[in-house]
Amino acid sequence: MALSRFASVRGCPEKVYSDPGSQLVGASRELQEAWQKIDCQKLHKKGAENGLTWTFGPADSPWHQGAVESLVKLAKRAIHFAIANQRLSAPEFLTVCYEVSNLLNERPIGVLPCTDSAINVLTPNSLLLGRARAINPLRWQPQDSKIVTRYHLVQAVTDDFWKRWTELYAPSLVVRRKWHTSNRNLLPNDVVIVADKNTFRGEYRLGLVKEVFPSKDAKVRRVTVTYKNYQVEEDVREYKGAKDVTVSRAVQRLALLVPVDYDPAQAVTDFKTEVQGN
């Protein structure tokens, strides 16, 4: 049913990756018995009829889906804290889930090559929808007092999710040097994500490193970053454009998104080589 719901919204996928159900070991007996009745060969055959390739990872190896599992864990934790003890109806909870889905799919995963100095962000929504952003332009305000209360509750839950999500997601992008080998310093013209708790919901603040300040040990711990400051609810008839803001930030508050020496053509070649190797 999960695959059917996904295909109904996004279309039938070409490839599906999943683990072999090892997460059900600690589940209830009913779930374990239900999983044992699933024939993986039938899944492969059924998927092939729709041009779908279903790949199962090795058993008892959750790290093979590490990046996905980590993202899911952070999202579930943020949703848990956001909802807390609130009682949501099924439509209200579904609305929150769709809002959360859009926020997650607006996260930057790269940039698109461009000829000017602008930063064209690549997000999952760019790949899913074929456009840069999926912000709902409607600002509907219900008139019925009961509906207003429930509407604002849903918006408050979504706001709480965003606040918790940014607190959990941003630190995961920063390399903890205690457990990792040393990485290169930030360089001018690197594209970075700026961790800022004051951003509006759905805003992933991207910046361009303008200047770096090495310490005595040649390590860069502070840089100046330039980003665009958009005016919220600005009258489109008097649009003045985004203002450039330059700030000084510690590297611990920045996550490298696209290095200045990034080569898109080489990245595509490396990706194809990795896929063929798997």
Foldseek 3Di string as FASTA:
>chain_A
DVQVVCCVVQNRDQEAEEALPLVCPPPDPVVVVVSVPDDVVVVCVVQVVVNYHYHYDYPPCCCVCVVVVVLVVLLVVLLCVLCPPPDDDPVLVVVLVVLSVQLQQLDFQAFDDDDDPDTHTDGNCCVRPVDNHDDDPDDDQDDDPVVNVSVVSSVSSSQSSQLSSLVPPQQVLDDDCVPDPDDDAADFQFKKFFRDSPDDRSDGWIWTFHAFDADPVRHTFKTKTKTWDDDPPDDPVPDPGTDIDIDMDTCSRIGGNGGPPDDVVVVVVVVVVVVVVD
